[in-house]
Amino acid sequence: MGYSIALIPPFLDSIAVYVDKVLLSKFDINSTIITIYSGFFAFLTGLIILIFTGYSPVDTKSAAIIFLSGFLGIFYLFAYFKALTYDEGSRVGALFQFIPVMVLILSFLLLGEKLLFKQYVGASFIIAAGFLLSIQRLETGIFRVNKAFWFMLLACFFSASVYVLFKLGVKEIGFWGSLPYEGFGSLAATLCILAYGKNFALLKDTKKVFTKKIVGYMTIVEFLARVSRYILFYALTLIPASIASVLMGFQPLFLLLLGVGLSVWFPHIIKEVVTKKTIGLKLGATAGIFVGLYFIFL
C-alpha cells in the first residue's frame, strides 16, 4: 500500500510545477514572494491540524528534528522557484531525480539504510540524465550547464534532507503529531526570508498587484503542494525513505506528458519547445532516469 500511495505525490507535483510556471512567467510574480506565501500556507495548515488533533507532549529532540525538516523545506522551495525562472517546467521538474541519490546517501549516514553496488550504478544513470537535461549550447558552440541546474541541485539537497529528517523524527512523534512542528519550522524559515534584505518591502509592493485570480492560482498550487507533501510524509511512515524518493521518479514522465499536452492544446498558457529533437532528448533523459531508478529500486 505504501508504494501505491507514494506514486500520488509525483503526479500532483507535476501539476503544481506548471501552475508555478504560469505564476512566474505569465503573471510575473517574484519567486521569493511565492516562497513566502508557501511558508505561511504551510504554517496555517499545520496550525489547523494542531487545532483538530490537539497538542501532545513530545521529546524535544524529535520535535527539533521535525522543526528542522519544515525549516529546510522552505529553502528547498526557494531554490526550486529560482530554478523555474530559468528553464522549462518539464526540465526543471525532471531534475528532482537527484533527490533519490541524495536520500540514499543521507539515509546511509543518518538512518543506517545500507547501500548496494547496483544503487551506485543507478545513481550514476540519474546524474548523467540530469546533466543531459540541463546542458545549453551557446552561440560559440560550447556547451554549459544552465543556471536552473545549480539551483535544482541545491533544492534537491534540501528536499532530500527533509525526507530523511522527517523519517527520523516521525518515528517518535507519529504522523499527525509531526505536521504542526513541520509547519512551525516552515514559519521560522519564512520569517527569516522575509527579514532578509528588501524582501519585506518587496512583499508590500507585490500586494498592490495581487488580484483574486492570482491569489486563486497561488492557493490552488499550495493546496496541491501541501496534499502532496502530507501524502509523501505518510508514505514515509510505511516504507523506507530511499524507496519513497525513488518512486518520485515517475515525475519526469508526468511532466513530459503534461508539457507536450499543454504546449499543443493550450500554448497561450504554457509553451515549451516541442520539436522532435527536444522531445527525443527529454525522452532519452527520462529513459536514463528510469534505468537508474530500476537499478536503485530492484
C-alpha atoms as a PDB file:
ATOM      1  CA  MET A   1       0.000   0.000   0.000  1.00  0.00           C
ATOM      2  CA  GLY A   2       2.848   2.381   0.842  1.00  0.00           C
ATOM      3  CA  TYR A   3       4.244   2.049  -2.666  1.00  0.00           C
ATOM      4  CA  SER A   4       0.983   2.996  -4.391  1.00  0.00           C
ATOM      5  CA  ILE A   5       0.480   5.937  -2.032  1.00  0.00           C
ATOM      6  CA  ALA A   6       3.980   7.192  -2.824  1.00  0.00           C
ATOM      7  CA  LEU A   7       3.040   7.439  -6.529  1.00  0.00           C
ATOM      8  CA  ILE A   8       0.415  10.128  -5.879  1.00  0.00           C
ATOM      9  CA  PRO A   9       2.848  12.967  -4.958  1.00  0.00           C
ATOM     10  CA  PRO A  10       4.805  12.954  -8.266  1.00  0.00           C
ATOM     11  CA  PHE A  11       1.558  13.380 -10.216  1.00  0.00           C
ATOM     12  CA  LEU A  12       0.308  16.222  -8.002  1.00  0.00           C
ATOM     13  CA  ASP A  13       3.743  17.858  -8.036  1.00  0.00           C
ATOM     14  CA  SER A  14       3.813  17.733 -11.839  1.00  0.00           C
ATOM     15  CA  ILE A  15       0.581  19.743 -11.978  1.00  0.00           C
ATOM     16  CA  ALA A  16       1.952  22.164  -9.385  1.00  0.00           C
ATOM     17  CA  VAL A  17       5.127  22.722 -11.443  1.00  0.00           C
ATOM     18  CA  TYR A  18       3.136  24.086 -14.372  1.00  0.00           C
ATOM     19  CA  VAL A  19       0.882  26.252 -12.197  1.00  0.00           C
ATOM     20  CA  ASP A  20       4.046  27.667 -10.596  1.00  0.00           C
ATOM     21  CA  LYS A  21       5.479  28.307 -14.062  1.00  0.00           C
ATOM     22  CA  VAL A  22       2.345  30.253 -15.038  1.00  0.00           C
ATOM     23  CA  LEU A  23       2.636  32.389 -11.899  1.00  0.00           C
ATOM     24  CA  LEU A  24       6.299  33.134 -12.577  1.00  0.00           C
ATOM     25  CA  SER A  25       6.110  33.753 -16.320  1.00  0.00           C
ATOM     26  CA  LYS A  26       2.586  34.920 -17.171  1.00  0.00           C
ATOM     27  CA  PHE A  27       1.809  36.908 -14.022  1.00  0.00           C
ATOM     28  CA  ASP A  28       5.428  37.871 -13.288  1.00  0.00           C
ATOM     29  CA  ILE A  29       5.179  37.010  -9.585  1.00  0.00           C
ATOM     30  CA  ASN A  30       8.586  37.104  -7.917  1.00  0.00           C
ATOM     31  CA  SER A  31       9.892  33.678  -6.868  1.00  0.00           C
ATOM     32  CA  THR A  32      10.664  34.979  -3.360  1.00  0.00           C
ATOM     33  CA  ILE A  33       7.045  36.088  -2.924  1.00  0.00           C
ATOM     34  CA  ILE A  34       5.746  32.640  -3.897  1.00  0.00           C
ATOM     35  CA  THR A  35       8.148  31.092  -1.369  1.00  0.00           C
ATOM     36  CA  ILE A  36       6.868  33.385   1.390  1.00  0.00           C
ATOM     37  CA  TYR A  37       3.261  32.575   0.508  1.00  0.00           C
ATOM     38  CA  SER A  38       4.121  28.856   0.589  1.00  0.00           C
ATOM     39  CA  GLY A  39       5.665  29.194   4.031  1.00  0.00           C
ATOM     40  CA  PHE A  40       2.666  30.933   5.561  1.00  0.00           C
ATOM     41  CA  PHE A  41       0.327  28.433   3.895  1.00  0.00           C
ATOM     42  CA  ALA A  42       2.325  25.526   5.386  1.00  0.00           C
ATOM     43  CA  PHE A  43       2.177  27.130   8.836  1.00  0.00           C
ATOM     44  CA  LEU A  44      -1.578  27.731   8.683  1.00  0.00           C
ATOM     45  CA  THR A  45      -2.168  24.161   7.540  1.00  0.00           C
ATOM     46  CA  GLY A  46      -0.097  22.813  10.421  1.00  0.00           C
ATOM     47  CA  LEU A  47      -1.951  25.082  12.845  1.00  0.00           C
ATOM     48  CA  ILE A  48      -5.339  23.816  11.642  1.00  0.00           C
ATOM     49  CA  ILE A  49      -4.154  20.229  12.095  1.00  0.00           C
ATOM     50  CA  LEU A  50      -2.974  21.076  15.623  1.00  0.00           C
ATOM     51  CA  ILE A  51      -6.391  22.536  16.490  1.00  0.00           C
ATOM     52  CA  PHE A  52      -8.186  19.386  15.334  1.00  0.00           C
ATOM     53  CA  THR A  53      -5.745  16.801  16.716  1.00  0.00           C
ATOM     54  CA  GLY A  54      -4.806  18.578  19.941  1.00  0.00           C
ATOM     55  CA  TYR A  55      -1.395  19.066  21.497  1.00  0.00           C
ATOM     56  CA  SER A  56       0.512  16.076  22.818  1.00  0.00           C
ATOM     57  CA  PRO A  57       3.814  16.433  24.712  1.00  0.00           C
ATOM     58  CA  VAL A  58       6.787  15.100  22.729  1.00  0.00           C
ATOM     59  CA  ASP A  59      10.501  14.877  23.405  1.00  0.00           C
ATOM     60  CA  THR A  60      12.497  17.970  22.470  1.00  0.00           C
ATOM     61  CA  LYS A  61      14.918  16.155  20.168  1.00  0.00           C
ATOM     62  CA  SER A  62      12.225  14.687  17.900  1.00  0.00           C
ATOM     63  CA  ALA A  63      10.327  17.986  17.801  1.00  0.00           C
ATOM     64  CA  ALA A  64      13.535  19.801  16.809  1.00  0.00           C
ATOM     65  CA  ILE A  65      14.210  17.307  14.014  1.00  0.00           C
ATOM     66  CA  ILE A  66      10.731  17.751  12.535  1.00  0.00           C
ATOM     67  CA  PHE A  67      11.008  21.525  13.002  1.00  0.00           C
ATOM     68  CA  LEU A  68      14.276  21.476  11.036  1.00  0.00           C
ATOM     69  CA  SER A  69      12.652  19.451   8.246  1.00  0.00           C
ATOM     70  CA  GLY A  70       9.994  22.157   7.873  1.00  0.00           C
ATOM     71  CA  PHE A  71      12.643  24.881   8.014  1.00  0.00           C
ATOM     72  CA  LEU A  72      14.732  23.320   5.229  1.00  0.00           C
ATOM     73  CA  GLY A  73      11.561  22.599   3.237  1.00  0.00           C
ATOM     74  CA  ILE A  74      11.047  26.322   2.642  1.00  0.00           C
ATOM     75  CA  PHE A  75      14.612  26.808   1.441  1.00  0.00           C
ATOM     76  CA  TYR A  76      14.060  23.880  -0.913  1.00  0.00           C
ATOM     77  CA  LEU A  77      11.094  25.802  -2.360  1.00  0.00           C
ATOM     78  CA  PHE A  78      13.147  28.977  -2.588  1.00  0.00           C
ATOM     79  CA  ALA A  79      15.811  27.246  -4.713  1.00  0.00           C
ATOM     80  CA  TYR A  80      13.197  25.381  -6.794  1.00  0.00           C
ATOM     81  CA  PHE A  81      11.245  28.548  -7.659  1.00  0.00           C
ATOM     82  CA  LYS A  82      14.502  30.239  -8.651  1.00  0.00           C
ATOM     83  CA  ALA A  83      15.312  27.327 -10.975  1.00  0.00           C
ATOM     84  CA  LEU A  84      11.859  27.533 -12.537  1.00  0.00           C
ATOM     85  CA  THR A  85      12.527  31.133 -13.600  1.00  0.00           C
ATOM     86  CA  TYR A  86      15.447  29.943 -15.756  1.00  0.00           C
ATOM     87  CA  ASP A  87      14.078  26.898 -17.597  1.00  0.00           C
ATOM     88  CA  GLU A  88      11.038  24.928 -18.771  1.00  0.00           C
ATOM     89  CA  GLY A  89       8.877  23.199 -16.186  1.00  0.00           C
ATOM     90  CA  SER A  90       9.495  19.720 -17.618  1.00  0.00           C
ATOM     91  CA  ARG A  91      13.281  20.121 -17.484  1.00  0.00           C
ATOM     92  CA  VAL A  92      13.322  21.638 -14.010  1.00  0.00           C
ATOM     93  CA  GLY A  93      10.907  19.065 -12.584  1.00  0.00           C
ATOM     94  CA  ALA A  94      12.895  16.178 -14.054  1.00  0.00           C
ATOM     95  CA  LEU A  95      15.948  17.303 -12.085  1.00  0.00           C
ATOM     96  CA  PHE A  96      14.132  16.348  -8.893  1.00  0.00           C
ATOM     97  CA  GLN A  97      15.512  12.873  -9.622  1.00  0.00           C
ATOM     98  CA  PHE A  98      18.728  13.926  -7.946  1.00  0.00           C
ATOM     99  CA  ILE A  99      16.748  13.590  -4.716  1.00  0.00           C
ATOM    100  CA  PRO A 100      16.869   9.736  -4.619  1.00  0.00           C
ATOM    101  CA  VAL A 101      20.644   9.888  -4.990  1.00  0.00           C
ATOM    102  CA  MET A 102      20.996  12.316  -2.099  1.00  0.00           C
ATOM    103  CA  VAL A 103      18.419  10.467   0.001  1.00  0.00           C
ATOM    104  CA  LEU A 104      20.362   7.223  -0.452  1.00  0.00           C
ATOM    105  CA  ILE A 105      23.498   8.903   0.837  1.00  0.00           C
ATOM    106  CA  LEU A 106      21.771  10.670   3.737  1.00  0.00           C
ATOM    107  CA  SER A 107      19.778   7.534   4.620  1.00  0.00           C
ATOM    108  CA  PHE A 108      23.032   5.616   4.815  1.00  0.00           C
ATOM    109  CA  LEU A 109      24.643   8.260   7.023  1.00  0.00           C
ATOM    110  CA  LEU A 110      21.705   9.105   9.317  1.00  0.00           C
ATOM    111  CA  LEU A 111      19.252   6.184   9.179  1.00  0.00           C
ATOM    112  CA  GLY A 112      21.651   3.281   8.728  1.00  0.00           C
ATOM    113  CA  GLU A 113      19.975   2.146   5.477  1.00  0.00           C
ATOM    114  CA  LYS A 114      22.624   0.157   3.585  1.00  0.00           C
ATOM    115  CA  LEU A 115      23.653   0.945   0.003  1.00  0.00           C
ATOM    116  CA  LEU A 116      24.348  -1.717  -2.631  1.00  0.00           C
ATOM    117  CA  PHE A 117      26.668  -1.501  -5.634  1.00  0.00           C
ATOM    118  CA  LYS A 118      23.726  -1.501  -8.066  1.00  0.00           C
ATOM    119  CA  GLN A 119      22.322   1.539  -6.281  1.00  0.00           C
ATOM    120  CA  TYR A 120      25.523   3.428  -7.009  1.00  0.00           C
ATOM    121  CA  VAL A 121      25.143   2.376 -10.654  1.00  0.00           C
ATOM    122  CA  GLY A 122      21.561   3.660 -10.674  1.00  0.00           C
ATOM    123  CA  ALA A 123      22.666   6.940  -9.119  1.00  0.00           C
ATOM    124  CA  SER A 124      25.212   7.364 -11.923  1.00  0.00           C
ATOM    125  CA  PHE A 125      22.494   6.985 -14.577  1.00  0.00           C
ATOM    126  CA  ILE A 126      20.334   9.593 -12.855  1.00  0.00           C
ATOM    127  CA  ILE A 127      23.192  12.088 -12.579  1.00  0.00           C
ATOM    128  CA  ALA A 128      24.069  11.631 -16.258  1.00  0.00           C
ATOM    129  CA  ALA A 129      20.413  12.133 -17.251  1.00  0.00           C
ATOM    130  CA  GLY A 130      20.262  15.300 -15.145  1.00  0.00           C
ATOM    131  CA  PHE A 131      23.240  16.768 -16.985  1.00  0.00           C
ATOM    132  CA  LEU A 132      21.671  15.789 -20.326  1.00  0.00           C
ATOM    133  CA  LEU A 133      18.517  17.710 -19.448  1.00  0.00           C
ATOM    134  CA  SER A 134      20.417  20.793 -18.325  1.00  0.00           C
ATOM    135  CA  ILE A 135      23.104  21.463 -20.905  1.00  0.00           C
ATOM    136  CA  GLN A 136      22.817  24.533 -23.115  1.00  0.00           C
ATOM    137  CA  ARG A 137      24.586  25.114 -26.415  1.00  0.00           C
ATOM    138  CA  LEU A 138      25.961  28.625 -26.722  1.00  0.00           C
ATOM    139  CA  GLU A 139      26.403  30.567 -29.970  1.00  0.00           C
ATOM    140  CA  THR A 140      30.105  29.718 -29.841  1.00  0.00           C
ATOM    141  CA  GLY A 141      29.232  26.016 -29.977  1.00  0.00           C
ATOM    142  CA  ILE A 142      30.385  25.438 -26.406  1.00  0.00           C
ATOM    143  CA  PHE A 143      28.091  23.513 -24.069  1.00  0.00           C
ATOM    144  CA  ARG A 144      27.462  24.578 -20.484  1.00  0.00           C
ATOM    145  CA  VAL A 145      25.104  23.613 -17.677  1.00  0.00           C
ATOM    146  CA  ASN A 146      22.348  26.202 -17.228  1.00  0.00           C
ATOM    147  CA  LYS A 147      21.611  28.139 -14.031  1.00  0.00           C
ATOM    148  CA  ALA A 148      18.490  26.093 -13.296  1.00  0.00           C
ATOM    149  CA  PHE A 149      20.668  23.007 -12.807  1.00  0.00           C
ATOM    150  CA  TRP A 150      22.633  24.519  -9.933  1.00  0.00           C
ATOM    151  CA  PHE A 151      19.550  25.856  -8.187  1.00  0.00           C
ATOM    152  CA  MET A 152      17.889  22.433  -8.560  1.00  0.00           C
ATOM    153  CA  LEU A 153      20.969  20.718  -7.163  1.00  0.00           C
ATOM    154  CA  LEU A 154      20.587  22.895  -4.054  1.00  0.00           C
ATOM    155  CA  ALA A 155      16.813  22.299  -3.991  1.00  0.00           C
ATOM    156  CA  CYS A 156      17.327  18.531  -4.176  1.00  0.00           C
ATOM    157  CA  PHE A 157      19.791  18.594  -1.292  1.00  0.00           C
ATOM    158  CA  PHE A 158      17.306  20.474   0.901  1.00  0.00           C
ATOM    159  CA  SER A 159      14.455  18.194  -0.201  1.00  0.00           C
ATOM    160  CA  ALA A 160      16.477  15.043   0.494  1.00  0.00           C
ATOM    161  CA  SER A 161      17.289  16.413   3.953  1.00  0.00           C
ATOM    162  CA  VAL A 162      13.557  16.934   4.551  1.00  0.00           C
ATOM    163  CA  TYR A 163      12.830  13.304   3.607  1.00  0.00           C
ATOM    164  CA  VAL A 164      15.439  11.897   5.961  1.00  0.00           C
ATOM    165  CA  LEU A 165      14.802  14.273   8.875  1.00  0.00           C
ATOM    166  CA  PHE A 166      11.043  13.697   8.786  1.00  0.00           C
ATOM    167  CA  LYS A 167      11.589   9.935   8.628  1.00  0.00           C
ATOM    168  CA  LEU A 168      13.906  10.239  11.622  1.00  0.00           C
ATOM    169  CA  GLY A 169      11.532  12.363  13.730  1.00  0.00           C
ATOM    170  CA  VAL A 170       8.193  10.782  12.840  1.00  0.00           C
ATOM    171  CA  LYS A 171       9.226   7.512  14.492  1.00  0.00           C
ATOM    172  CA  GLU A 172       8.851   9.120  17.914  1.00  0.00           C
ATOM    173  CA  ILE A 173       6.109  11.691  17.354  1.00  0.00           C
ATOM    174  CA  GLY A 174       3.790   9.951  14.894  1.00  0.00           C
ATOM    175  CA  PHE A 175       2.379  11.248  11.624  1.00  0.00           C
ATOM    176  CA  TRP A 176      -0.323  13.687  12.776  1.00  0.00           C
ATOM    177  CA  GLY A 177       1.730  14.915  15.714  1.00  0.00           C
ATOM    178  CA  SER A 178       4.621  15.772  13.375  1.00  0.00           C
ATOM    179  CA  LEU A 179       2.752  18.000  10.932  1.00  0.00           C
ATOM    180  CA  PRO A 180       2.297  21.042  13.241  1.00  0.00           C
ATOM    181  CA  TYR A 181       6.021  21.057  14.092  1.00  0.00           C
ATOM    182  CA  GLU A 182       6.809  20.898  10.382  1.00  0.00           C
ATOM    183  CA  GLY A 183       4.549  23.921   9.926  1.00  0.00           C
ATOM    184  CA  PHE A 184       6.307  25.818  12.730  1.00  0.00           C
ATOM    185  CA  GLY A 185       9.645  25.168  11.032  1.00  0.00           C
ATOM    186  CA  SER A 186       8.207  26.471   7.761  1.00  0.00           C
ATOM    187  CA  LEU A 187       7.067  29.659   9.512  1.00  0.00           C
ATOM    188  CA  ALA A 188      10.521  30.225  11.027  1.00  0.00           C
ATOM    189  CA  ALA A 189      12.213  29.884   7.626  1.00  0.00           C
ATOM    190  CA  THR A 190       9.628  32.182   6.019  1.00  0.00           C
ATOM    191  CA  LEU A 191      10.246  34.890   8.624  1.00  0.00           C
ATOM    192  CA  CYS A 192      13.999  34.606   8.010  1.00  0.00           C
ATOM    193  CA  ILE A 193      13.488  35.116   4.262  1.00  0.00           C
ATOM    194  CA  LEU A 194      11.052  37.953   4.898  1.00  0.00           C
ATOM    195  CA  ALA A 195      13.542  39.715   7.183  1.00  0.00           C
ATOM    196  CA  TYR A 196      16.410  39.383   4.722  1.00  0.00           C
ATOM    197  CA  GLY A 197      17.342  42.383   2.586  1.00  0.00           C
ATOM    198  CA  LYS A 198      14.414  44.160   0.947  1.00  0.00           C
ATOM    199  CA  ASN A 199      12.058  41.168   0.869  1.00  0.00           C
ATOM    200  CA  PHE A 200       9.536  42.737   3.243  1.00  0.00           C
ATOM    201  CA  ALA A 201       9.335  45.845   1.053  1.00  0.00           C
ATOM    202  CA  LEU A 202       9.038  43.574  -1.986  1.00  0.00           C
ATOM    203  CA  LEU A 203       6.072  41.831  -0.368  1.00  0.00           C
ATOM    204  CA  LYS A 204       4.356  45.160   0.311  1.00  0.00           C
ATOM    205  CA  ASP A 205       4.854  46.260  -3.295  1.00  0.00           C
ATOM    206  CA  THR A 206       3.618  42.929  -4.675  1.00  0.00           C
ATOM    207  CA  LYS A 207       0.404  43.103  -2.615  1.00  0.00           C
ATOM    208  CA  LYS A 208      -0.678  46.049  -4.776  1.00  0.00           C
ATOM    209  CA  VAL A 209      -0.825  43.889  -7.917  1.00  0.00           C
ATOM    210  CA  PHE A 210      -2.423  40.829  -6.327  1.00  0.00           C
ATOM    211  CA  THR A 211      -5.757  40.006  -7.912  1.00  0.00           C
ATOM    212  CA  LYS A 212      -8.316  37.397  -6.969  1.00  0.00           C
ATOM    213  CA  LYS A 213      -7.169  35.372  -9.964  1.00  0.00           C
ATOM    214  CA  ILE A 214      -3.520  35.372  -8.867  1.00  0.00           C
ATOM    215  CA  VAL A 215      -4.392  34.582  -5.245  1.00  0.00           C
ATOM    216  CA  GLY A 216      -6.649  31.792  -6.516  1.00  0.00           C
ATOM    217  CA  TYR A 217      -3.834  30.251  -8.563  1.00  0.00           C
ATOM    218  CA  MET A 218      -1.405  30.532  -5.641  1.00  0.00           C
ATOM    219  CA  THR A 219      -3.903  28.938  -3.264  1.00  0.00           C
ATOM    220  CA  ILE A 220      -4.587  26.066  -5.664  1.00  0.00           C
ATOM    221  CA  VAL A 221      -0.911  25.294  -6.157  1.00  0.00           C
ATOM    222  CA  GLU A 222      -0.186  25.498  -2.424  1.00  0.00           C
ATOM    223  CA  PHE A 223      -3.114  23.206  -1.668  1.00  0.00           C
ATOM    224  CA  LEU A 224      -1.779  20.673  -4.188  1.00  0.00           C
ATOM    225  CA  ALA A 225       1.717  21.019  -2.752  1.00  0.00           C
ATOM    226  CA  ARG A 226       0.531  20.515   0.829  1.00  0.00           C
ATOM    227  CA  VAL A 227      -1.603  17.475  -0.062  1.00  0.00           C
ATOM    228  CA  SER A 228       1.344  16.037  -1.990  1.00  0.00           C
ATOM    229  CA  ARG A 229       3.766  16.707   0.861  1.00  0.00           C
ATOM    230  CA  TYR A 230       1.482  15.163   3.502  1.00  0.00           C
ATOM    231  CA  ILE A 231       0.826  12.067   1.366  1.00  0.00           C
ATOM    232  CA  LEU A 232       4.570  11.702   0.929  1.00  0.00           C
ATOM    233  CA  PHE A 233       5.129  12.121   4.669  1.00  0.00           C
ATOM    234  CA  TYR A 234       2.520   9.441   5.324  1.00  0.00           C
ATOM    235  CA  ALA A 235       4.270   7.141   2.839  1.00  0.00           C
ATOM    236  CA  LEU A 236       7.485   7.668   4.798  1.00  0.00           C
ATOM    237  CA  THR A 237       5.811   6.068   7.824  1.00  0.00           C
ATOM    238  CA  LEU A 238       5.176   2.920   5.740  1.00  0.00           C
ATOM    239  CA  ILE A 239       8.242   2.466   3.513  1.00  0.00           C
ATOM    240  CA  PRO A 240      11.971   3.403   3.633  1.00  0.00           C
ATOM    241  CA  ALA A 241      12.874   6.995   2.808  1.00  0.00           C
ATOM    242  CA  SER A 242      15.114   5.864  -0.053  1.00  0.00           C
ATOM    243  CA  ILE A 243      12.278   3.894  -1.710  1.00  0.00           C
ATOM    244  CA  ALA A 244       9.785   6.735  -1.280  1.00  0.00           C
ATOM    245  CA  SER A 245      12.157   9.133  -3.021  1.00  0.00           C
ATOM    246  CA  VAL A 246      12.798   6.645  -5.826  1.00  0.00           C
ATOM    247  CA  LEU A 247       9.073   6.336  -6.585  1.00  0.00           C
ATOM    248  CA  MET A 248       9.073  10.084  -7.222  1.00  0.00           C
ATOM    249  CA  GLY A 249      10.970   9.066 -10.365  1.00  0.00           C
ATOM    250  CA  PHE A 250       7.687   8.860 -12.238  1.00  0.00           C
ATOM    251  CA  GLN A 251       7.509  12.660 -12.161  1.00  0.00           C
ATOM    252  CA  PRO A 252       9.596  13.243 -15.340  1.00  0.00           C
ATOM    253  CA  LEU A 253       7.144  11.104 -17.316  1.00  0.00           C
ATOM    254  CA  PHE A 254       4.152  13.014 -15.928  1.00  0.00           C
ATOM    255  CA  LEU A 255       5.923  16.311 -16.623  1.00  0.00           C
ATOM    256  CA  LEU A 256       6.771  15.369 -20.191  1.00  0.00           C
ATOM    257  CA  LEU A 257       3.199  14.306 -20.977  1.00  0.00           C
ATOM    258  CA  LEU A 258       1.701  17.403 -19.356  1.00  0.00           C
ATOM    259  CA  GLY A 259       4.247  19.708 -21.001  1.00  0.00           C
ATOM    260  CA  VAL A 260       3.598  18.387 -24.503  1.00  0.00           C
ATOM    261  CA  GLY A 261      -0.179  18.373 -23.968  1.00  0.00           C
ATOM    262  CA  LEU A 262      -0.279  21.946 -22.647  1.00  0.00           C
ATOM    263  CA  SER A 263       2.062  23.239 -25.367  1.00  0.00           C
ATOM    264  CA  VAL A 264      -0.023  21.681 -28.150  1.00  0.00           C
ATOM    265  CA  TRP A 265      -3.555  22.374 -26.883  1.00  0.00           C
ATOM    266  CA  PHE A 266      -3.038  25.394 -24.601  1.00  0.00           C
ATOM    267  CA  PRO A 267       0.014  27.258 -25.967  1.00  0.00           C
ATOM    268  CA  HIS A 268      -1.296  30.541 -24.533  1.00  0.00           C
ATOM    269  CA  ILE A 269      -0.835  29.060 -21.047  1.00  0.00           C
ATOM    270  CA  ILE A 270       2.363  27.010 -21.366  1.00  0.00           C
ATOM    271  CA  LYS A 271       4.655  26.982 -24.380  1.00  0.00           C
ATOM    272  CA  GLU A 272       7.574  24.567 -24.217  1.00  0.00           C
ATOM    273  CA  VAL A 273       9.859  23.536 -27.068  1.00  0.00           C
ATOM    274  CA  VAL A 274       8.169  20.504 -28.643  1.00  0.00           C
ATOM    275  CA  THR A 275      10.438  19.811 -31.630  1.00  0.00           C
ATOM    276  CA  LYS A 276      11.316  16.201 -32.389  1.00  0.00           C
ATOM    277  CA  LYS A 277      14.913  16.807 -31.312  1.00  0.00           C
ATOM    278  CA  THR A 278      13.930  18.322 -27.958  1.00  0.00           C
ATOM    279  CA  ILE A 279      11.302  15.694 -27.185  1.00  0.00           C
ATOM    280  CA  GLY A 280      13.813  12.995 -28.170  1.00  0.00           C
ATOM    281  CA  LEU A 281      16.350  14.482 -25.760  1.00  0.00           C
ATOM    282  CA  LYS A 282      13.802  14.593 -22.947  1.00  0.00           C
ATOM    283  CA  LEU A 283      12.654  11.039 -23.666  1.00  0.00           C
ATOM    284  CA  GLY A 284      16.258   9.821 -23.676  1.00  0.00           C
ATOM    285  CA  ALA A 285      16.993  11.554 -20.383  1.00  0.00           C
ATOM    286  CA  THR A 286      13.748  10.237 -18.884  1.00  0.00           C
ATOM    287  CA  ALA A 287      14.659   6.722 -20.004  1.00  0.00           C
ATOM    288  CA  GLY A 288      18.049   7.155 -18.342  1.00  0.00           C
ATOM    289  CA  ILE A 289      16.302   8.195 -15.136  1.00  0.00           C
ATOM    290  CA  PHE A 290      14.081   5.104 -15.227  1.00  0.00           C
ATOM    291  CA  VAL A 291      17.114   2.874 -15.813  1.00  0.00           C
ATOM    292  CA  GLY A 292      18.781   4.490 -12.815  1.00  0.00           C
ATOM    293  CA  LEU A 293      15.668   4.061 -10.697  1.00  0.00           C
ATOM    294  CA  TYR A 294      15.445   0.413 -11.795  1.00  0.00           C
ATOM    295  CA  PHE A 295      18.953  -0.277 -10.516  1.00  0.00           C
ATOM    296  CA  ILE A 296      18.264   1.556  -7.260  1.00  0.00           C
ATOM    297  CA  PHE A 297      14.861   0.000  -6.620  1.00  0.00           C
ATOM    298  CA  LEU A 298      15.330  -3.580  -7.929  1.00  0.00           C
END
